[in-house]
Amino acid sequence: MLMNRPPIPVIIISVVFILVGLGGLIAGIAPIIKSHEVRLDSVIVTVSGLTALLSGIFMLRCANWARWLCVAWMAFHAVVSILHTALELAIHTLVLIVLAIVLFRTSAACFRKESHSL
């Protein structure tokens, strides 16, 4: 079965999310390894990194659920940014809007078929 080739913007977003995901995994797992103690914040960072990594990998395969996961991940970060500075909130919100536009408007053809699964 031939798979759709993702457009360049999807490839760029996917690679960024793969890198962010790997960084999150390292940032979440490193304190656990160092202290031999599992803390809630390390678990949250690890799960967040894994989520970003999975969405990035599967967006490269044009999996529809992966773009939803990507946008949900960014929306979560925008909501959490409410607790931080106004600048962080603005940046996360802007990135969320750009992701939604790119993944749901300009690149929608890549994600039309639901034949791509795990």
PDB file of N, CA and C in Angstrom:
ATOM      1  N   MET A   1       0.842  -1.167   0.000  1.00  0.00           N
ATOM      2  CA  MET A   1       0.000   0.000   0.000  1.00  0.00           C
ATOM      3  C   MET A   1       0.890   1.234   0.000  1.00  0.00           C
ATOM      4  N   LEU A   2       0.625   2.172  -0.894  1.00  0.00           N
ATOM      5  CA  LEU A   2       1.398   3.399  -0.959  1.00  0.00           C
ATOM      6  C   LEU A   2       0.925   4.375   0.105  1.00  0.00           C
ATOM      7  N   MET A   3       1.878   4.999   0.745  1.00  0.00           N
ATOM      8  CA  MET A   3       1.550   5.954   1.788  1.00  0.00           C
ATOM      9  C   MET A   3       1.719   7.364   1.224  1.00  0.00           C
ATOM     10  N   ASN A   4       0.825   8.272   1.612  1.00  0.00           N
ATOM     11  CA  ASN A   4       0.972   9.668   1.212  1.00  0.00           C
ATOM     12  C   ASN A   4       2.298  10.205   1.743  1.00  0.00           C
ATOM     13  N   ARG A   5       2.951  11.013   0.951  1.00  0.00           N
ATOM     14  CA  ARG A   5       4.159  11.683   1.405  1.00  0.00           C
ATOM     15  C   ARG A   5       3.716  12.979   2.068  1.00  0.00           C
ATOM     16  N   PRO A   6       4.145  13.213   3.293  1.00  0.00           N
ATOM     17  CA  PRO A   6       3.710  14.439   3.961  1.00  0.00           C
ATOM     18  C   PRO A   6       4.332  15.667   3.309  1.00  0.00           C
ATOM     19  N   PRO A   7       3.588  16.780   3.295  1.00  0.00           N
ATOM     20  CA  PRO A   7       4.144  18.023   2.772  1.00  0.00           C
ATOM     21  C   PRO A   7       5.292  18.532   3.657  1.00  0.00           C
ATOM     22  N   ILE A   8       6.100  19.399   3.108  1.00  0.00           N
ATOM     23  CA  ILE A   8       7.271  19.934   3.821  1.00  0.00           C
ATOM     24  C   ILE A   8       6.910  20.526   5.189  1.00  0.00           C
ATOM     25  N   PRO A   9       5.838  21.330   5.321  1.00  0.00           N
ATOM     26  CA  PRO A   9       5.517  21.866   6.656  1.00  0.00           C
ATOM     27  C   PRO A   9       5.244  20.762   7.690  1.00  0.00           C
ATOM     28  N   VAL A  10       4.610  19.680   7.269  1.00  0.00           N
ATOM     29  CA  VAL A  10       4.341  18.561   8.188  1.00  0.00           C
ATOM     30  C   VAL A  10       5.647  17.870   8.561  1.00  0.00           C
ATOM     31  N   ILE A  11       6.545  17.736   7.598  1.00  0.00           N
ATOM     32  CA  ILE A  11       7.847  17.128   7.891  1.00  0.00           C
ATOM     33  C   ILE A  11       8.602  17.976   8.907  1.00  0.00           C
ATOM     34  N   ILE A  12       8.590  19.287   8.723  1.00  0.00           N
ATOM     35  CA  ILE A  12       9.287  20.185   9.648  1.00  0.00           C
ATOM     36  C   ILE A  12       8.688  20.088  11.048  1.00  0.00           C
ATOM     37  N   ILE A  13       7.363  20.155  11.139  1.00  0.00           N
ATOM     38  CA  ILE A  13       6.691  20.049  12.439  1.00  0.00           C
ATOM     39  C   ILE A  13       6.991  18.694  13.075  1.00  0.00           C
ATOM     40  N   SER A  14       6.951  17.648  12.283  1.00  0.00           N
ATOM     41  CA  SER A  14       7.213  16.303  12.798  1.00  0.00           C
ATOM     42  C   SER A  14       8.618  16.191  13.367  1.00  0.00           C
ATOM     43  N   VAL A  15       9.599  16.686  12.639  1.00  0.00           N
ATOM     44  CA  VAL A  15      10.986  16.621  13.110  1.00  0.00           C
ATOM     45  C   VAL A  15      11.148  17.434  14.394  1.00  0.00           C
ATOM     46  N   VAL A  16      10.536  18.611  14.438  1.00  0.00           N
ATOM     47  CA  VAL A  16      10.612  19.426  15.657  1.00  0.00           C
ATOM     48  C   VAL A  16       9.989  18.677  16.835  1.00  0.00           C
ATOM     49  N   PHE A  17       8.844  18.051  16.608  1.00  0.00           N
ATOM     50  CA  PHE A  17       8.192  17.318  17.700  1.00  0.00           C
ATOM     51  C   PHE A  17       8.976  16.074  18.103  1.00  0.00           C
ATOM     52  N   ILE A  18       9.643  15.437  17.163  1.00  0.00           N
ATOM     53  CA  ILE A  18      10.501  14.297  17.503  1.00  0.00           C
ATOM     54  C   ILE A  18      11.657  14.770  18.388  1.00  0.00           C
ATOM     55  N   LEU A  19      12.277  15.880  18.022  1.00  0.00           N
ATOM     56  CA  LEU A  19      13.389  16.415  18.817  1.00  0.00           C
ATOM     57  C   LEU A  19      12.926  16.885  20.195  1.00  0.00           C
ATOM     58  N   VAL A  20      11.787  17.583  20.231  1.00  0.00           N
ATOM     59  CA  VAL A  20      11.235  18.025  21.517  1.00  0.00           C
ATOM     60  C   VAL A  20      10.879  16.813  22.378  1.00  0.00           C
ATOM     61  N   GLY A  21      10.310  15.803  21.749  1.00  0.00           N
ATOM     62  CA  GLY A  21       9.952  14.584  22.475  1.00  0.00           C
ATOM     63  C   GLY A  21      11.166  13.883  23.054  1.00  0.00           C
ATOM     64  N   LEU A  22      12.224  13.772  22.256  1.00  0.00           N
ATOM     65  CA  LEU A  22      13.456  13.155  22.764  1.00  0.00           C
ATOM     66  C   LEU A  22      14.033  13.967  23.918  1.00  0.00           C
ATOM     67  N   GLY A  23      14.002  15.296  23.783  1.00  0.00           N
ATOM     68  CA  GLY A  23      14.470  16.156  24.865  1.00  0.00           C
ATOM     69  C   GLY A  23      13.641  15.982  26.126  1.00  0.00           C
ATOM     70  N   GLY A  24      12.328  15.881  25.959  1.00  0.00           N
ATOM     71  CA  GLY A  24      11.446  15.665  27.103  1.00  0.00           C
ATOM     72  C   GLY A  24      11.692  14.332  27.782  1.00  0.00           C
ATOM     73  N   LEU A  25      11.920  13.310  26.975  1.00  0.00           N
ATOM     74  CA  LEU A  25      12.220  11.996  27.559  1.00  0.00           C
ATOM     75  C   LEU A  25      13.509  12.034  28.372  1.00  0.00           C
ATOM     76  N   ILE A  26      14.524  12.647  27.805  1.00  0.00           N
ATOM     77  CA  ILE A  26      15.802  12.756  28.524  1.00  0.00           C
ATOM     78  C   ILE A  26      15.635  13.584  29.793  1.00  0.00           C
ATOM     79  N   ALA A  27      14.938  14.721  29.679  1.00  0.00           N
ATOM     80  CA  ALA A  27      14.732  15.593  30.846  1.00  0.00           C
ATOM     81  C   ALA A  27      13.887  14.923  31.924  1.00  0.00           C
ATOM     82  N   GLY A  28      12.981  14.046  31.518  1.00  0.00           N
ATOM     83  CA  GLY A  28      12.137  13.374  32.496  1.00  0.00           C
ATOM     84  C   GLY A  28      12.790  12.160  33.130  1.00  0.00           C
ATOM     85  N   ILE A  29      13.560  11.430  32.340  1.00  0.00           N
ATOM     86  CA  ILE A  29      14.156  10.185  32.832  1.00  0.00           C
ATOM     87  C   ILE A  29      15.457  10.441  33.598  1.00  0.00           C
ATOM     88  N   ALA A  30      16.216  11.452  33.202  1.00  0.00           N
ATOM     89  CA  ALA A  30      17.514  11.724  33.845  1.00  0.00           C
ATOM     90  C   ALA A  30      17.410  11.905  35.361  1.00  0.00           C
ATOM     91  N   PRO A  31      16.468  12.702  35.877  1.00  0.00           N
ATOM     92  CA  PRO A  31      16.388  12.839  37.347  1.00  0.00           C
ATOM     93  C   PRO A  31      16.012  11.529  38.051  1.00  0.00           C
ATOM     94  N   ILE A  32      15.226  10.702  37.364  1.00  0.00           N
ATOM     95  CA  ILE A  32      14.851   9.415  37.961  1.00  0.00           C
ATOM     96  C   ILE A  32      16.078   8.522  38.073  1.00  0.00           C
ATOM     97  N   ILE A  33      16.886   8.501  37.029  1.00  0.00           N
ATOM     98  CA  ILE A  33      18.104   7.688  37.040  1.00  0.00           C
ATOM     99  C   ILE A  33      19.094   8.225  38.072  1.00  0.00           C
ATOM    100  N   LYS A  34      19.238   9.552  38.123  1.00  0.00           N
ATOM    101  CA  LYS A  34      20.208  10.173  39.023  1.00  0.00           C
ATOM    102  C   LYS A  34      19.850   9.966  40.493  1.00  0.00           C
ATOM    103  N   SER A  35      18.587  10.159  40.840  1.00  0.00           N
ATOM    104  CA  SER A  35      18.199  10.116  42.255  1.00  0.00           C
ATOM    105  C   SER A  35      17.591   8.778  42.674  1.00  0.00           C
ATOM    106  N   HIS A  36      17.320   7.912  41.716  1.00  0.00           N
ATOM    107  CA  HIS A  36      16.646   6.633  41.986  1.00  0.00           C
ATOM    108  C   HIS A  36      15.309   6.844  42.691  1.00  0.00           C
ATOM    109  N   GLU A  37      14.688   7.983  42.398  1.00  0.00           N
ATOM    110  CA  GLU A  37      13.404   8.327  42.991  1.00  0.00           C
ATOM    111  C   GLU A  37      12.466   8.796  41.880  1.00  0.00           C
ATOM    112  N   VAL A  38      11.278   8.211  41.843  1.00  0.00           N
ATOM    113  CA  VAL A  38      10.296   8.596  40.842  1.00  0.00           C
ATOM    114  C   VAL A  38       9.437   9.713  41.435  1.00  0.00           C
ATOM    115  N   ARG A  39       9.535  10.895  40.809  1.00  0.00           N
ATOM    116  CA  ARG A  39       8.745  12.037  41.250  1.00  0.00           C
ATOM    117  C   ARG A  39       7.689  12.342  40.206  1.00  0.00           C
ATOM    118  N   LEU A  40       6.599  12.924  40.650  1.00  0.00           N
ATOM    119  CA  LEU A  40       5.486  13.223  39.757  1.00  0.00           C
ATOM    120  C   LEU A  40       5.898  14.136  38.610  1.00  0.00           C
ATOM    121  N   ASP A  41       6.700  15.167  38.896  1.00  0.00           N
ATOM    122  CA  ASP A  41       7.105  16.078  37.834  1.00  0.00           C
ATOM    123  C   ASP A  41       7.940  15.375  36.766  1.00  0.00           C
ATOM    124  N   SER A  42       8.784  14.439  37.176  1.00  0.00           N
ATOM    125  CA  SER A  42       9.573  13.676  36.197  1.00  0.00           C
ATOM    126  C   SER A  42       8.679  12.772  35.348  1.00  0.00           C
ATOM    127  N   VAL A  43       7.672  12.202  35.950  1.00  0.00           N
ATOM    128  CA  VAL A  43       6.737  11.355  35.209  1.00  0.00           C
ATOM    129  C   VAL A  43       5.959  12.197  34.192  1.00  0.00           C
ATOM    130  N   ILE A  44       5.507  13.376  34.596  1.00  0.00           N
ATOM    131  CA  ILE A  44       4.753  14.254  33.695  1.00  0.00           C
ATOM    132  C   ILE A  44       5.627  14.676  32.515  1.00  0.00           C
ATOM    133  N   VAL A  45       6.874  15.047  32.776  1.00  0.00           N
ATOM    134  CA  VAL A  45       7.782  15.452  31.702  1.00  0.00           C
ATOM    135  C   VAL A  45       8.058  14.269  30.766  1.00  0.00           C
ATOM    136  N   THR A  46       8.225  13.079  31.320  1.00  0.00           N
ATOM    137  CA  THR A  46       8.474  11.884  30.508  1.00  0.00           C
ATOM    138  C   THR A  46       7.276  11.569  29.621  1.00  0.00           C
ATOM    139  N   VAL A  47       6.083  11.604  30.180  1.00  0.00           N
ATOM    140  CA  VAL A  47       4.869  11.337  29.398  1.00  0.00           C
ATOM    141  C   VAL A  47       4.674  12.406  28.332  1.00  0.00           C
ATOM    142  N   SER A  48       4.948  13.645  28.682  1.00  0.00           N
ATOM    143  CA  SER A  48       4.839  14.734  27.710  1.00  0.00           C
ATOM    144  C   SER A  48       5.826  14.532  26.561  1.00  0.00           C
ATOM    145  N   GLY A  49       7.055  14.156  26.888  1.00  0.00           N
ATOM    146  CA  GLY A  49       8.053  13.896  25.860  1.00  0.00           C
ATOM    147  C   GLY A  49       7.675  12.733  24.969  1.00  0.00           C
ATOM    148  N   LEU A  50       7.165  11.678  25.566  1.00  0.00           N
ATOM    149  CA  LEU A  50       6.730  10.512  24.797  1.00  0.00           C
ATOM    150  C   LEU A  50       5.571  10.876  23.875  1.00  0.00           C
ATOM    151  N   THR A  51       4.667  11.698  24.365  1.00  0.00           N
ATOM    152  CA  THR A  51       3.528  12.143  23.558  1.00  0.00           C
ATOM    153  C   THR A  51       3.997  12.948  22.347  1.00  0.00           C
ATOM    154  N   ALA A  52       4.907  13.887  22.560  1.00  0.00           N
ATOM    155  CA  ALA A  52       5.441  14.681  21.453  1.00  0.00           C
ATOM    156  C   ALA A  52       6.184  13.792  20.462  1.00  0.00           C
ATOM    157  N   LEU A  53       6.980  12.861  20.966  1.00  0.00           N
ATOM    158  CA  LEU A  53       7.735  11.952  20.110  1.00  0.00           C
ATOM    159  C   LEU A  53       6.809  11.103  19.243  1.00  0.00           C
ATOM    160  N   LEU A  54       5.785  10.519  19.845  1.00  0.00           N
ATOM    161  CA  LEU A  54       4.846   9.693  19.085  1.00  0.00           C
ATOM    162  C   LEU A  54       4.090  10.502  18.042  1.00  0.00           C
ATOM    163  N   SER A  55       3.656  11.691  18.414  1.00  0.00           N
ATOM    164  CA  SER A  55       2.931  12.498  17.427  1.00  0.00           C
ATOM    165  C   SER A  55       3.841  12.862  16.267  1.00  0.00           C
ATOM    166  N   GLY A  56       5.087  13.194  16.529  1.00  0.00           N
ATOM    167  CA  GLY A  56       6.022  13.526  15.462  1.00  0.00           C
ATOM    168  C   GLY A  56       6.293  12.355  14.537  1.00  0.00           C
ATOM    169  N   ILE A  57       6.532  11.197  15.108  1.00  0.00           N
ATOM    170  CA  ILE A  57       6.822  10.003  14.296  1.00  0.00           C
ATOM    171  C   ILE A  57       5.630   9.654  13.413  1.00  0.00           C
ATOM    172  N   PHE A  58       4.453   9.653  13.990  1.00  0.00           N
ATOM    173  CA  PHE A  58       3.294   9.197  13.229  1.00  0.00           C
ATOM    174  C   PHE A  58       2.707  10.270  12.318  1.00  0.00           C
ATOM    175  N   MET A  59       3.020  11.543  12.557  1.00  0.00           N
ATOM    176  CA  MET A  59       2.640  12.552  11.566  1.00  0.00           C
ATOM    177  C   MET A  59       3.440  12.355  10.286  1.00  0.00           C
ATOM    178  N   LEU A  60       4.675  11.872  10.400  1.00  0.00           N
ATOM    179  CA  LEU A  60       5.461  11.561   9.208  1.00  0.00           C
ATOM    180  C   LEU A  60       4.801  10.451   8.382  1.00  0.00           C
ATOM    181  N   ARG A  61       4.000   9.625   9.050  1.00  0.00           N
ATOM    182  CA  ARG A  61       3.264   8.565   8.364  1.00  0.00           C
ATOM    183  C   ARG A  61       1.862   9.019   7.967  1.00  0.00           C
ATOM    184  N   CYS A  62       1.573  10.301   8.172  1.00  0.00           N
ATOM    185  CA  CYS A  62       0.264  10.901   7.864  1.00  0.00           C
ATOM    186  C   CYS A  62      -0.880  10.250   8.636  1.00  0.00           C
ATOM    187  N   ALA A  63      -0.615   9.835   9.855  1.00  0.00           N
ATOM    188  CA  ALA A  63      -1.665   9.270  10.708  1.00  0.00           C
ATOM    189  C   ALA A  63      -2.523  10.413  11.247  1.00  0.00           C
ATOM    190  N   ASN A  64      -3.820  10.364  10.981  1.00  0.00           N
ATOM    191  CA  ASN A  64      -4.728  11.439  11.377  1.00  0.00           C
ATOM    192  C   ASN A  64      -4.719  11.676  12.884  1.00  0.00           C
ATOM    193  N   TRP A  65      -4.703  10.600  13.668  1.00  0.00           N
ATOM    194  CA  TRP A  65      -4.736  10.751  15.119  1.00  0.00           C
ATOM    195  C   TRP A  65      -3.498  11.489  15.627  1.00  0.00           C
ATOM    196  N   ALA A  66      -2.385  11.388  14.899  1.00  0.00           N
ATOM    197  CA  ALA A  66      -1.135  12.015  15.352  1.00  0.00           C
ATOM    198  C   ALA A  66      -1.211  13.539  15.272  1.00  0.00           C
ATOM    199  N   ARG A  67      -1.905  14.059  14.252  1.00  0.00           N
ATOM    200  CA  ARG A  67      -2.018  15.523  14.197  1.00  0.00           C
ATOM    201  C   ARG A  67      -2.921  16.027  15.317  1.00  0.00           C
ATOM    202  N   TRP A  68      -3.960  15.269  15.649  1.00  0.00           N
ATOM    203  CA  TRP A  68      -4.812  15.633  16.778  1.00  0.00           C
ATOM    204  C   TRP A  68      -4.020  15.588  18.085  1.00  0.00           C
ATOM    205  N   LEU A  69      -3.191  14.576  18.241  1.00  0.00           N
ATOM    206  CA  LEU A  69      -2.359  14.453  19.432  1.00  0.00           C
ATOM    207  C   LEU A  69      -1.384  15.625  19.528  1.00  0.00           C
ATOM    208  N   CYS A  70      -0.811  16.006  18.413  1.00  0.00           N
ATOM    209  CA  CYS A  70       0.126  17.137  18.362  1.00  0.00           C
ATOM    210  C   CYS A  70      -0.562  18.426  18.814  1.00  0.00           C
ATOM    211  N   VAL A  71      -1.729  18.690  18.278  1.00  0.00           N
ATOM    212  CA  VAL A  71      -2.455  19.907  18.628  1.00  0.00           C
ATOM    213  C   VAL A  71      -2.922  19.844  20.090  1.00  0.00           C
ATOM    214  N   ALA A  72      -3.358  18.694  20.546  1.00  0.00           N
ATOM    215  CA  ALA A  72      -3.771  18.550  21.946  1.00  0.00           C
ATOM    216  C   ALA A  72      -2.584  18.778  22.882  1.00  0.00           C
ATOM    217  N   TRP A  73      -1.426  18.264  22.501  1.00  0.00           N
ATOM    218  CA  TRP A  73      -0.214  18.450  23.298  1.00  0.00           C
ATOM    219  C   TRP A  73       0.112  19.940  23.419  1.00  0.00           C
ATOM    220  N   MET A  74       0.022  20.645  22.299  1.00  0.00           N
ATOM    221  CA  MET A  74       0.324  22.077  22.319  1.00  0.00           C
ATOM    222  C   MET A  74      -0.738  22.846  23.101  1.00  0.00           C
ATOM    223  N   ALA A  75      -2.007  22.446  22.974  1.00  0.00           N
ATOM    224  CA  ALA A  75      -3.085  23.095  23.726  1.00  0.00           C
ATOM    225  C   ALA A  75      -2.863  22.923  25.229  1.00  0.00           C
ATOM    226  N   PHE A  76      -2.425  21.744  25.638  1.00  0.00           N
ATOM    227  CA  PHE A  76      -2.104  21.489  27.044  1.00  0.00           C
ATOM    228  C   PHE A  76      -1.024  22.472  27.514  1.00  0.00           C
ATOM    229  N   HIS A  77       0.010  22.646  26.693  1.00  0.00           N
ATOM    230  CA  HIS A  77       1.081  23.563  27.068  1.00  0.00           C
ATOM    231  C   HIS A  77       0.589  25.009  27.120  1.00  0.00           C
ATOM    232  N   ALA A  78      -0.323  25.370  26.241  1.00  0.00           N
ATOM    233  CA  ALA A  78      -0.878  26.726  26.275  1.00  0.00           C
ATOM    234  C   ALA A  78      -1.667  26.943  27.569  1.00  0.00           C
ATOM    235  N   VAL A  79      -2.440  25.951  27.964  1.00  0.00           N
ATOM    236  CA  VAL A  79      -3.216  26.059  29.206  1.00  0.00           C
ATOM    237  C   VAL A  79      -2.291  26.147  30.414  1.00  0.00           C
ATOM    238  N   VAL A  80      -1.260  25.314  30.444  1.00  0.00           N
ATOM    239  CA  VAL A  80      -0.310  25.353  31.557  1.00  0.00           C
ATOM    240  C   VAL A  80       0.413  26.702  31.604  1.00  0.00           C
ATOM    241  N   SER A  81       0.589  27.327  30.440  1.00  0.00           N
ATOM    242  CA  SER A  81       1.274  28.627  30.372  1.00  0.00           C
ATOM    243  C   SER A  81       0.504  29.732  31.079  1.00  0.00           C
ATOM    244  N   ILE A  82      -0.774  29.512  31.326  1.00  0.00           N
ATOM    245  CA  ILE A  82      -1.558  30.499  32.075  1.00  0.00           C
ATOM    246  C   ILE A  82      -0.935  30.725  33.452  1.00  0.00           C
ATOM    247  N   LEU A  83      -0.299  29.691  33.984  1.00  0.00           N
ATOM    248  CA  LEU A  83       0.331  29.787  35.303  1.00  0.00           C
ATOM    249  C   LEU A  83       1.700  30.462  35.253  1.00  0.00           C
ATOM    250  N   HIS A  84       2.201  30.741  34.057  1.00  0.00           N
ATOM    251  CA  HIS A  84       3.525  31.336  33.899  1.00  0.00           C
ATOM    252  C   HIS A  84       3.390  32.777  33.406  1.00  0.00           C
ATOM    253  N   THR A  85       4.370  33.251  32.694  1.00  0.00           N
ATOM    254  CA  THR A  85       4.350  34.644  32.247  1.00  0.00           C
ATOM    255  C   THR A  85       3.395  34.831  31.063  1.00  0.00           C
ATOM    256  N   ALA A  86       3.006  36.071  30.862  1.00  0.00           N
ATOM    257  CA  ALA A  86       2.141  36.410  29.726  1.00  0.00           C
ATOM    258  C   ALA A  86       2.843  36.116  28.405  1.00  0.00           C
ATOM    259  N   LEU A  87       4.153  36.302  28.370  1.00  0.00           N
ATOM    260  CA  LEU A  87       4.918  36.017  27.153  1.00  0.00           C
ATOM    261  C   LEU A  87       4.858  34.526  26.806  1.00  0.00           C
ATOM    262  N   GLU A  88       5.028  33.665  27.798  1.00  0.00           N
ATOM    263  CA  GLU A  88       4.944  32.219  27.554  1.00  0.00           C
ATOM    264  C   GLU A  88       3.555  31.841  27.029  1.00  0.00           C
ATOM    265  N   LEU A  89       2.539  32.407  27.639  1.00  0.00           N
ATOM    266  CA  LEU A  89       1.171  32.140  27.194  1.00  0.00           C
ATOM    267  C   LEU A  89       0.986  32.593  25.748  1.00  0.00           C
ATOM    268  N   ALA A  90       1.473  33.768  25.416  1.00  0.00           N
ATOM    269  CA  ALA A  90       1.341  34.287  24.054  1.00  0.00           C
ATOM    270  C   ALA A  90       2.084  33.411  23.048  1.00  0.00           C
ATOM    271  N   ILE A  91       3.290  33.002  23.391  1.00  0.00           N
ATOM    272  CA  ILE A  91       4.076  32.158  22.479  1.00  0.00           C
ATOM    273  C   ILE A  91       3.408  30.807  22.273  1.00  0.00           C
ATOM    274  N   HIS A  92       3.000  30.155  23.359  1.00  0.00           N
ATOM    275  CA  HIS A  92       2.346  28.845  23.234  1.00  0.00           C
ATOM    276  C   HIS A  92       1.033  28.945  22.450  1.00  0.00           C
ATOM    277  N   THR A  93       0.296  30.007  22.677  1.00  0.00           N
ATOM    278  CA  THR A  93      -0.963  30.199  21.957  1.00  0.00           C
ATOM    279  C   THR A  93      -0.706  30.433  20.472  1.00  0.00           C
ATOM    280  N   LEU A  94       0.288  31.242  20.155  1.00  0.00           N
ATOM    281  CA  LEU A  94       0.645  31.492  18.754  1.00  0.00           C
ATOM    282  C   LEU A  94       1.093  30.203  18.062  1.00  0.00           C
ATOM    283  N   VAL A  95       1.929  29.429  18.731  1.00  0.00           N
ATOM    284  CA  VAL A  95       2.382  28.149  18.155  1.00  0.00           C
ATOM    285  C   VAL A  95       1.194  27.215  17.956  1.00  0.00           C
ATOM    286  N   LEU A  96       0.272  27.185  18.902  1.00  0.00           N
ATOM    287  CA  LEU A  96      -0.928  26.354  18.775  1.00  0.00           C
ATOM    288  C   LEU A  96      -1.742  26.756  17.546  1.00  0.00           C
ATOM    289  N   ILE A  97      -1.925  28.038  17.342  1.00  0.00           N
ATOM    290  CA  ILE A  97      -2.695  28.523  16.183  1.00  0.00           C
ATOM    291  C   ILE A  97      -2.003  28.135  14.880  1.00  0.00           C
ATOM    292  N   VAL A  98      -0.691  28.322  14.821  1.00  0.00           N
ATOM    293  CA  VAL A  98       0.060  27.970  13.611  1.00  0.00           C
ATOM    294  C   VAL A  98      -0.023  26.466  13.350  1.00  0.00           C
ATOM    295  N   LEU A  99       0.151  25.663  14.388  1.00  0.00           N
ATOM    296  CA  LEU A  99       0.045  24.201  14.227  1.00  0.00           C
ATOM    297  C   LEU A  99      -1.331  23.812  13.692  1.00  0.00           C
ATOM    298  N   ALA A 100      -2.362  24.377  14.277  1.00  0.00           N
ATOM    299  CA  ALA A 100      -3.719  24.042  13.844  1.00  0.00           C
ATOM    300  C   ALA A 100      -3.941  24.422  12.384  1.00  0.00           C
ATOM    301  N   ILE A 101      -3.475  25.581  11.986  1.00  0.00           N
ATOM    302  CA  ILE A 101      -3.639  26.012  10.595  1.00  0.00           C
ATOM    303  C   ILE A 101      -2.882  25.084   9.653  1.00  0.00           C
ATOM    304  N   VAL A 102      -1.632  24.811   9.973  1.00  0.00           N
ATOM    305  CA  VAL A 102      -0.814  23.974   9.092  1.00  0.00           C
ATOM    306  C   VAL A 102      -1.352  22.545   9.039  1.00  0.00           C
ATOM    307  N   LEU A 103      -1.677  21.985  10.181  1.00  0.00           N
ATOM    308  CA  LEU A 103      -2.068  20.569  10.212  1.00  0.00           C
ATOM    309  C   LEU A 103      -3.506  20.318   9.768  1.00  0.00           C
ATOM    310  N   PHE A 104      -4.380  21.325   9.880  1.00  0.00           N
ATOM    311  CA  PHE A 104      -5.781  21.081   9.530  1.00  0.00           C
ATOM    312  C   PHE A 104      -6.247  21.801   8.277  1.00  0.00           C
ATOM    313  N   ARG A 105      -5.491  22.743   7.773  1.00  0.00           N
ATOM    314  CA  ARG A 105      -5.901  23.426   6.541  1.00  0.00           C
ATOM    315  C   ARG A 105      -4.959  23.114   5.395  1.00  0.00           C
ATOM    316  N   THR A 106      -3.721  23.562   5.511  1.00  0.00           N
ATOM    317  CA  THR A 106      -2.815  23.465   4.372  1.00  0.00           C
ATOM    318  C   THR A 106      -2.336  22.043   4.100  1.00  0.00           C
ATOM    319  N   SER A 107      -2.326  21.192   5.106  1.00  0.00           N
ATOM    320  CA  SER A 107      -1.796  19.841   4.933  1.00  0.00           C
ATOM    321  C   SER A 107      -2.861  18.764   5.099  1.00  0.00           C
ATOM    322  N   ALA A 108      -4.112  19.151   5.003  1.00  0.00           N
ATOM    323  CA  ALA A 108      -5.194  18.210   5.293  1.00  0.00           C
ATOM    324  C   ALA A 108      -5.199  17.000   4.371  1.00  0.00           C
ATOM    325  N   ALA A 109      -4.768  17.162   3.120  1.00  0.00           N
ATOM    326  CA  ALA A 109      -4.791  16.049   2.170  1.00  0.00           C
ATOM    327  C   ALA A 109      -3.912  14.893   2.633  1.00  0.00           C
ATOM    328  N   CYS A 110      -2.832  15.187   3.296  1.00  0.00           N
ATOM    329  CA  CYS A 110      -1.932  14.151   3.795  1.00  0.00           C
ATOM    330  C   CYS A 110      -2.634  13.235   4.787  1.00  0.00           C
ATOM    331  N   PHE A 111      -3.577  13.779   5.544  1.00  0.00           N
ATOM    332  CA  PHE A 111      -4.203  13.045   6.638  1.00  0.00           C
ATOM    333  C   PHE A 111      -5.585  12.495   6.296  1.00  0.00           C
ATOM    334  N   ARG A 112      -5.996  12.560   5.047  1.00  0.00           N
ATOM    335  CA  ARG A 112      -7.370  12.155   4.690  1.00  0.00           C
ATOM    336  C   ARG A 112      -7.651  10.685   4.893  1.00  0.00           C
ATOM    337  N   LYS A 113      -6.746   9.847   4.485  1.00  0.00           N
ATOM    338  CA  LYS A 113      -6.976   8.399   4.574  1.00  0.00           C
ATOM    339  C   LYS A 113      -6.717   7.929   5.988  1.00  0.00           C
ATOM    340  N   GLU A 114      -7.585   7.113   6.495  1.00  0.00           N
ATOM    341  CA  GLU A 114      -7.437   6.556   7.832  1.00  0.00           C
ATOM    342  C   GLU A 114      -6.779   5.178   7.794  1.00  0.00           C
ATOM    343  N   SER A 115      -6.134   4.837   6.707  1.00  0.00           N
ATOM    344  CA  SER A 115      -5.548   3.508   6.572  1.00  0.00           C
ATOM    345  C   SER A 115      -4.216   3.372   7.285  1.00  0.00           C
ATOM    346  N   HIS A 116      -3.662   4.461   7.784  1.00  0.00           N
ATOM    347  CA  HIS A 116      -2.382   4.407   8.452  1.00  0.00           C
ATOM    348  C   HIS A 116      -2.590   4.201   9.942  1.00  0.00           C
ATOM    349  N   SER A 117      -2.101   3.119  10.437  1.00  0.00           N
ATOM    350  CA  SER A 117      -2.260   2.824  11.861  1.00  0.00           C
ATOM    351  C   SER A 117      -0.908   2.495  12.461  1.00  0.00           C
ATOM    352  N   LEU A 118      -0.925   2.060  13.710  1.00  0.00           N
ATOM    353  CA  LEU A 118       0.301   1.700  14.387  1.00  0.00           C
ATOM    354  C   LEU A 118       0.944   0.566  13.635  1.00  0.00           C
TER     355      LEU A 118
END
